[in-house]
């Protein structure tokens, strides 16, 4: 294994507040975050979604003024995956930074495939926000 994490970022031609307002709403994740599966439903302070590997439980960061969009995914195996995600103001525009942490037993090829998947999801979010 070579790297333990990758920072994946994309520039979005919208203010950080506009990006945060959209991306902080869990119900919007199904429009752009394909990795979270489908059928996203709220259960108290957690959400569930259906994936190819079974149902996952997701906890999202509470709204904040720092641009933090972190979330935690509990897999059917019991493994918990931490997903750091940040919106950073860059003048009238913003940067969205996703930190992809390598999970145990993930080889280089799978890690690269995961990074490509996340990059496609970030591009989808950019397209949604810039077309609004």
N, C-alpha and C. Protein backbone atom coordinates (compact mmCIF):
# COMPACT_ATOMS: atom_id res chain seq x y z
N UNK A 1 0.84 -1.18 0.00
CA UNK A 1 0.00 0.00 0.00
C UNK A 1 0.88 1.24 0.00
N UNK A 2 0.56 2.18 -0.87
CA UNK A 2 1.40 3.36 -0.95
C UNK A 2 0.86 4.51 -0.12
N UNK A 3 -0.30 5.02 -0.41
CA UNK A 3 -0.80 6.17 0.33
C UNK A 3 -1.97 5.79 1.24
N UNK A 4 -2.08 6.50 2.37
CA UNK A 4 -3.14 6.18 3.31
C UNK A 4 -4.34 7.10 3.17
N UNK A 5 -4.17 8.21 2.43
CA UNK A 5 -5.29 9.11 2.18
C UNK A 5 -5.05 9.91 0.93
N UNK A 6 -6.14 10.44 0.39
CA UNK A 6 -6.06 11.35 -0.76
C UNK A 6 -7.04 12.48 -0.53
N UNK A 7 -6.58 13.70 -0.82
CA UNK A 7 -7.46 14.86 -0.78
C UNK A 7 -7.97 15.08 -2.20
N UNK A 8 -9.26 14.99 -2.37
CA UNK A 8 -9.88 15.19 -3.67
C UNK A 8 -10.65 16.50 -3.61
N UNK A 9 -10.33 17.42 -4.48
CA UNK A 9 -11.02 18.71 -4.40
C UNK A 9 -11.53 19.14 -5.77
N UNK A 10 -12.53 20.01 -5.70
CA UNK A 10 -13.11 20.56 -6.92
C UNK A 10 -13.49 22.01 -6.65
N UNK A 11 -13.24 22.86 -7.62
CA UNK A 11 -13.64 24.26 -7.54
C UNK A 11 -15.09 24.38 -8.01
N UNK A 12 -15.87 25.15 -7.27
CA UNK A 12 -17.28 25.34 -7.61
C UNK A 12 -17.54 26.84 -7.72
N UNK A 13 -18.11 27.25 -8.82
CA UNK A 13 -18.36 28.67 -9.07
C UNK A 13 -19.64 29.13 -8.38
N UNK A 14 -19.70 28.88 -7.10
CA UNK A 14 -20.78 29.35 -6.22
C UNK A 14 -20.14 29.70 -4.90
N UNK A 15 -20.81 30.53 -4.12
CA UNK A 15 -20.24 30.91 -2.82
C UNK A 15 -20.17 29.69 -1.91
N UNK A 16 -19.28 29.76 -0.96
CA UNK A 16 -19.16 28.67 0.02
C UNK A 16 -20.48 28.46 0.75
N UNK A 17 -21.18 29.54 1.04
CA UNK A 17 -22.46 29.41 1.75
C UNK A 17 -23.49 28.66 0.90
N UNK A 18 -23.54 28.97 -0.40
CA UNK A 18 -24.48 28.28 -1.29
C UNK A 18 -24.15 26.79 -1.38
N UNK A 19 -22.86 26.47 -1.50
CA UNK A 19 -22.44 25.07 -1.55
C UNK A 19 -22.79 24.37 -0.24
N UNK A 20 -22.47 25.02 0.86
CA UNK A 20 -22.75 24.42 2.18
C UNK A 20 -24.25 24.21 2.37
N UNK A 21 -25.05 25.23 2.03
CA UNK A 21 -26.49 25.12 2.23
C UNK A 21 -27.07 23.91 1.50
N UNK A 22 -26.60 23.66 0.28
CA UNK A 22 -27.11 22.53 -0.48
C UNK A 22 -26.52 21.21 0.02
N UNK A 23 -25.22 21.18 0.17
CA UNK A 23 -24.54 19.92 0.51
C UNK A 23 -24.75 19.49 1.95
N UNK A 24 -25.19 20.39 2.82
CA UNK A 24 -25.40 20.02 4.22
C UNK A 24 -26.76 19.37 4.46
N UNK A 25 -27.60 19.35 3.45
CA UNK A 25 -28.93 18.74 3.59
C UNK A 25 -28.85 17.28 3.18
N UNK A 26 -28.97 16.36 4.14
CA UNK A 26 -28.84 14.93 3.80
C UNK A 26 -29.75 14.48 2.66
N UNK A 27 -30.94 15.04 2.58
CA UNK A 27 -31.86 14.62 1.51
C UNK A 27 -31.33 14.96 0.12
N UNK A 28 -30.35 15.87 0.01
CA UNK A 28 -29.75 16.19 -1.29
C UNK A 28 -28.64 15.23 -1.68
N UNK A 29 -28.13 14.46 -0.73
CA UNK A 29 -27.01 13.56 -1.03
C UNK A 29 -27.37 12.56 -2.13
N UNK A 30 -28.62 12.13 -2.18
CA UNK A 30 -29.00 11.14 -3.20
C UNK A 30 -28.90 11.72 -4.61
N UNK A 31 -28.86 13.04 -4.75
CA UNK A 31 -28.74 13.67 -6.07
C UNK A 31 -27.31 13.63 -6.59
N UNK A 32 -26.34 13.52 -5.68
CA UNK A 32 -24.94 13.62 -6.14
C UNK A 32 -24.00 12.59 -5.53
N UNK A 33 -24.28 12.06 -4.37
CA UNK A 33 -23.35 11.15 -3.69
C UNK A 33 -23.76 9.70 -3.92
N UNK A 34 -23.43 9.17 -5.08
CA UNK A 34 -23.87 7.82 -5.43
C UNK A 34 -23.30 6.76 -4.49
N UNK A 35 -22.19 7.05 -3.84
CA UNK A 35 -21.59 6.09 -2.92
C UNK A 35 -22.43 5.81 -1.69
N UNK A 36 -23.40 6.67 -1.41
CA UNK A 36 -24.26 6.45 -0.25
C UNK A 36 -25.47 5.60 -0.58
N UNK A 37 -25.55 5.11 -1.79
CA UNK A 37 -26.65 4.23 -2.15
C UNK A 37 -27.92 5.00 -2.46
N UNK A 38 -29.06 4.34 -2.23
CA UNK A 38 -30.35 4.98 -2.53
C UNK A 38 -31.33 4.71 -1.41
N UNK A 39 -32.49 5.32 -1.52
CA UNK A 39 -33.51 5.12 -0.50
C UNK A 39 -33.15 5.75 0.83
N UNK A 40 -32.49 6.89 0.80
CA UNK A 40 -32.06 7.58 2.02
C UNK A 40 -33.28 7.96 2.85
N UNK A 41 -33.30 7.52 4.12
CA UNK A 41 -34.42 7.79 5.03
C UNK A 41 -33.89 8.21 6.38
N UNK A 42 -34.58 9.18 6.98
CA UNK A 42 -34.18 9.67 8.30
C UNK A 42 -34.80 8.83 9.39
N UNK A 43 -33.99 8.53 10.42
CA UNK A 43 -34.43 7.81 11.61
C UNK A 43 -33.83 8.53 12.81
N UNK A 44 -34.55 9.51 13.36
CA UNK A 44 -34.00 10.30 14.46
C UNK A 44 -32.85 11.15 13.96
N UNK A 45 -31.69 11.02 14.61
CA UNK A 45 -30.53 11.81 14.18
C UNK A 45 -29.64 11.05 13.20
N UNK A 46 -30.09 9.90 12.75
CA UNK A 46 -29.33 9.11 11.77
C UNK A 46 -30.17 8.91 10.52
N UNK A 47 -29.50 8.47 9.47
CA UNK A 47 -30.15 8.20 8.20
C UNK A 47 -29.73 6.79 7.77
N UNK A 48 -30.57 6.13 6.99
CA UNK A 48 -30.21 4.84 6.42
C UNK A 48 -30.31 4.93 4.90
N UNK A 49 -29.55 4.08 4.24
CA UNK A 49 -29.59 3.99 2.78
C UNK A 49 -29.31 2.55 2.38
N UNK A 50 -29.79 2.18 1.22
CA UNK A 50 -29.55 0.84 0.69
C UNK A 50 -28.39 0.89 -0.30
N UNK A 51 -27.45 -0.03 -0.12
CA UNK A 51 -26.31 -0.13 -1.02
C UNK A 51 -26.25 -1.55 -1.59
N UNK A 52 -25.34 -1.78 -2.51
CA UNK A 52 -25.16 -3.12 -3.07
C UNK A 52 -24.75 -4.13 -2.00
N UNK A 53 -24.16 -3.63 -0.90
CA UNK A 53 -23.69 -4.51 0.18
C UNK A 53 -24.64 -4.56 1.36
N UNK A 54 -25.84 -4.00 1.22
CA UNK A 54 -26.81 -3.99 2.31
C UNK A 54 -27.08 -2.58 2.82
N UNK A 55 -27.83 -2.51 3.90
CA UNK A 55 -28.21 -1.21 4.45
C UNK A 55 -27.08 -0.60 5.28
N UNK A 56 -26.87 0.70 5.09
CA UNK A 56 -25.88 1.44 5.87
C UNK A 56 -26.60 2.49 6.70
N UNK A 57 -25.96 2.88 7.80
CA UNK A 57 -26.47 3.96 8.64
C UNK A 57 -25.49 5.11 8.54
N UNK A 58 -26.02 6.32 8.37
CA UNK A 58 -25.18 7.50 8.17
C UNK A 58 -25.51 8.54 9.22
N UNK A 59 -24.47 9.12 9.79
CA UNK A 59 -24.63 10.26 10.70
C UNK A 59 -23.90 11.43 10.07
N UNK A 60 -24.60 12.56 10.00
CA UNK A 60 -24.05 13.76 9.39
C UNK A 60 -23.67 14.77 10.47
N UNK A 61 -22.67 15.59 10.17
CA UNK A 61 -22.31 16.68 11.07
C UNK A 61 -23.51 17.60 11.25
N UNK A 62 -23.61 18.19 12.43
CA UNK A 62 -24.66 19.19 12.63
C UNK A 62 -24.27 20.45 11.86
N UNK A 63 -25.27 21.25 11.53
CA UNK A 63 -24.99 22.51 10.82
C UNK A 63 -24.00 23.32 11.62
N UNK A 64 -23.09 23.97 10.91
CA UNK A 64 -22.05 24.75 11.57
C UNK A 64 -21.63 25.89 10.66
N UNK A 65 -20.84 26.79 11.20
CA UNK A 65 -20.38 27.96 10.43
C UNK A 65 -18.98 27.76 9.86
N UNK A 66 -18.46 26.55 9.94
CA UNK A 66 -17.08 26.29 9.53
C UNK A 66 -16.95 25.57 8.19
N UNK A 67 -18.07 25.21 7.57
CA UNK A 67 -18.01 24.50 6.30
C UNK A 67 -17.73 23.01 6.44
N UNK A 68 -17.93 22.48 7.64
CA UNK A 68 -17.66 21.06 7.90
C UNK A 68 -18.90 20.24 7.52
N UNK A 69 -18.70 19.29 6.62
CA UNK A 69 -19.76 18.41 6.14
C UNK A 69 -19.41 16.94 6.41
N UNK A 70 -18.64 16.69 7.44
CA UNK A 70 -18.21 15.32 7.74
C UNK A 70 -19.42 14.42 7.95
N UNK A 71 -19.24 13.16 7.63
CA UNK A 71 -20.25 12.17 7.93
C UNK A 71 -19.59 10.82 8.22
N UNK A 72 -20.34 9.98 8.90
CA UNK A 72 -19.85 8.69 9.36
C UNK A 72 -20.82 7.64 8.84
N UNK A 73 -20.29 6.62 8.18
CA UNK A 73 -21.11 5.57 7.60
C UNK A 73 -20.82 4.26 8.32
N UNK A 74 -21.86 3.65 8.86
CA UNK A 74 -21.74 2.33 9.49
C UNK A 74 -22.18 1.29 8.47
N UNK A 75 -21.25 0.42 8.11
CA UNK A 75 -21.50 -0.61 7.10
C UNK A 75 -22.21 -1.81 7.72
N UNK A 76 -22.83 -2.65 6.90
CA UNK A 76 -23.49 -3.85 7.42
C UNK A 76 -22.54 -4.77 8.20
N UNK A 77 -21.23 -4.69 7.92
CA UNK A 77 -20.24 -5.51 8.61
C UNK A 77 -19.96 -5.02 10.03
N UNK A 78 -20.45 -3.80 10.33
CA UNK A 78 -20.14 -3.18 11.62
C UNK A 78 -19.01 -2.17 11.53
N UNK A 79 -18.27 -2.19 10.42
CA UNK A 79 -17.19 -1.23 10.22
C UNK A 79 -17.77 0.18 10.09
N UNK A 80 -17.10 1.16 10.72
CA UNK A 80 -17.51 2.56 10.61
C UNK A 80 -16.49 3.31 9.77
N UNK A 81 -16.98 4.05 8.79
CA UNK A 81 -16.13 4.79 7.87
C UNK A 81 -16.35 6.29 8.11
N UNK A 82 -15.27 6.98 8.44
CA UNK A 82 -15.30 8.43 8.65
C UNK A 82 -14.99 9.12 7.33
N UNK A 83 -15.83 10.09 6.96
CA UNK A 83 -15.66 10.79 5.70
C UNK A 83 -15.56 12.29 5.95
N UNK A 84 -14.33 12.83 6.00
CA UNK A 84 -14.15 14.27 6.16
C UNK A 84 -14.46 15.00 4.84
N UNK A 85 -15.27 16.05 4.94
CA UNK A 85 -15.66 16.83 3.77
C UNK A 85 -15.76 18.29 4.18
N UNK A 86 -15.12 19.18 3.42
CA UNK A 86 -15.07 20.60 3.79
C UNK A 86 -15.41 21.49 2.60
N UNK A 87 -16.11 22.58 2.90
CA UNK A 87 -16.32 23.66 1.93
C UNK A 87 -15.44 24.81 2.38
N UNK A 88 -14.62 25.31 1.46
CA UNK A 88 -13.69 26.40 1.77
C UNK A 88 -13.99 27.57 0.85
N UNK A 89 -14.19 28.75 1.45
CA UNK A 89 -14.45 29.95 0.66
C UNK A 89 -13.20 30.34 -0.11
N UNK A 90 -13.41 30.76 -1.36
CA UNK A 90 -12.32 31.25 -2.21
C UNK A 90 -12.88 32.44 -2.97
N UNK A 91 -12.98 33.57 -2.28
CA UNK A 91 -13.61 34.75 -2.86
C UNK A 91 -15.09 34.49 -3.07
N UNK A 92 -15.56 34.74 -4.29
CA UNK A 92 -16.97 34.51 -4.63
C UNK A 92 -17.25 33.04 -4.95
N UNK A 93 -16.21 32.25 -4.97
CA UNK A 93 -16.32 30.84 -5.32
C UNK A 93 -15.95 29.99 -4.12
N UNK A 94 -15.85 28.69 -4.33
CA UNK A 94 -15.50 27.81 -3.21
C UNK A 94 -14.73 26.59 -3.70
N UNK A 95 -14.09 25.95 -2.76
CA UNK A 95 -13.42 24.68 -2.98
C UNK A 95 -14.13 23.66 -2.09
N UNK A 96 -14.38 22.49 -2.63
CA UNK A 96 -14.93 21.40 -1.85
C UNK A 96 -13.83 20.35 -1.76
N UNK A 97 -13.46 19.98 -0.54
CA UNK A 97 -12.35 19.05 -0.32
C UNK A 97 -12.87 17.81 0.41
N UNK A 98 -12.70 16.68 -0.23
CA UNK A 98 -13.10 15.38 0.31
C UNK A 98 -11.81 14.63 0.64
N UNK A 99 -11.67 14.18 1.87
CA UNK A 99 -10.51 13.39 2.25
C UNK A 99 -10.90 11.92 2.21
N UNK A 100 -10.30 11.20 1.28
CA UNK A 100 -10.56 9.77 1.14
C UNK A 100 -9.52 9.02 1.96
N UNK A 101 -9.98 8.38 3.01
CA UNK A 101 -9.10 7.61 3.89
C UNK A 101 -9.11 6.15 3.44
N UNK A 102 -7.94 5.58 3.25
CA UNK A 102 -7.86 4.17 2.84
C UNK A 102 -8.37 3.30 3.99
N UNK A 103 -9.28 2.42 3.66
CA UNK A 103 -9.83 1.49 4.63
C UNK A 103 -8.95 0.24 4.71
N UNK A 104 -9.03 -0.49 5.81
CA UNK A 104 -8.22 -1.71 5.95
C UNK A 104 -8.48 -2.69 4.79
N UNK A 105 -7.45 -3.37 4.38
CA UNK A 105 -7.54 -4.41 3.34
C UNK A 105 -7.92 -3.87 1.96
N UNK A 106 -7.72 -2.58 1.72
CA UNK A 106 -7.99 -2.01 0.40
C UNK A 106 -6.67 -1.90 -0.35
N UNK A 107 -6.59 -2.55 -1.51
CA UNK A 107 -5.34 -2.49 -2.28
C UNK A 107 -5.30 -1.21 -3.11
N UNK A 108 -4.16 -0.98 -3.76
CA UNK A 108 -3.97 0.25 -4.53
C UNK A 108 -5.02 0.41 -5.64
N UNK A 109 -5.35 -0.66 -6.32
CA UNK A 109 -6.32 -0.58 -7.42
C UNK A 109 -7.70 -0.18 -6.91
N UNK A 110 -8.14 -0.77 -5.82
CA UNK A 110 -9.45 -0.43 -5.25
C UNK A 110 -9.45 1.00 -4.71
N UNK A 111 -8.34 1.42 -4.10
CA UNK A 111 -8.23 2.78 -3.59
C UNK A 111 -8.33 3.79 -4.74
N UNK A 112 -7.66 3.49 -5.85
CA UNK A 112 -7.73 4.36 -7.03
C UNK A 112 -9.15 4.39 -7.60
N UNK A 113 -9.82 3.24 -7.61
CA UNK A 113 -11.20 3.18 -8.10
C UNK A 113 -12.12 3.98 -7.20
N UNK A 114 -11.92 3.89 -5.88
CA UNK A 114 -12.72 4.68 -4.94
C UNK A 114 -12.51 6.18 -5.18
N UNK A 115 -11.27 6.58 -5.41
CA UNK A 115 -10.96 7.99 -5.66
C UNK A 115 -11.65 8.46 -6.94
N UNK A 116 -11.65 7.64 -7.97
CA UNK A 116 -12.32 8.00 -9.23
C UNK A 116 -13.82 8.14 -9.02
N UNK A 117 -14.40 7.26 -8.22
CA UNK A 117 -15.84 7.31 -7.92
C UNK A 117 -16.18 8.61 -7.20
N UNK A 118 -15.41 8.94 -6.17
CA UNK A 118 -15.65 10.17 -5.41
C UNK A 118 -15.50 11.39 -6.32
N UNK A 119 -14.51 11.37 -7.18
CA UNK A 119 -14.29 12.49 -8.11
C UNK A 119 -15.50 12.68 -9.01
N UNK A 120 -16.09 11.60 -9.49
CA UNK A 120 -17.32 11.70 -10.31
C UNK A 120 -18.46 12.29 -9.50
N UNK A 121 -18.59 11.87 -8.24
CA UNK A 121 -19.65 12.41 -7.38
C UNK A 121 -19.45 13.91 -7.14
N UNK A 122 -18.21 14.32 -6.89
CA UNK A 122 -17.93 15.75 -6.69
C UNK A 122 -18.25 16.54 -7.95
N UNK A 123 -17.93 15.99 -9.11
CA UNK A 123 -18.26 16.66 -10.37
C UNK A 123 -19.77 16.78 -10.53
N UNK A 124 -20.51 15.76 -10.14
CA UNK A 124 -21.97 15.80 -10.22
C UNK A 124 -22.51 16.92 -9.33
N UNK A 125 -21.96 17.06 -8.12
CA UNK A 125 -22.39 18.13 -7.22
C UNK A 125 -22.08 19.49 -7.85
N UNK A 126 -20.89 19.64 -8.39
CA UNK A 126 -20.50 20.89 -9.06
C UNK A 126 -21.49 21.22 -10.18
N UNK A 127 -21.81 20.24 -11.01
CA UNK A 127 -22.74 20.46 -12.12
C UNK A 127 -24.11 20.91 -11.62
N UNK A 128 -24.60 20.29 -10.57
CA UNK A 128 -25.90 20.66 -9.99
C UNK A 128 -25.86 22.11 -9.51
N UNK A 129 -24.84 22.43 -8.74
CA UNK A 129 -24.77 23.76 -8.13
C UNK A 129 -24.52 24.86 -9.16
N UNK A 130 -23.72 24.59 -10.15
CA UNK A 130 -23.42 25.62 -11.14
C UNK A 130 -24.54 25.80 -12.16
N UNK A 131 -25.46 24.86 -12.23
CA UNK A 131 -26.59 25.00 -13.15
C UNK A 131 -27.79 25.64 -12.47
N UNK A 132 -27.71 25.81 -11.16
CA UNK A 132 -28.84 26.39 -10.40
C UNK A 132 -28.92 27.89 -10.57
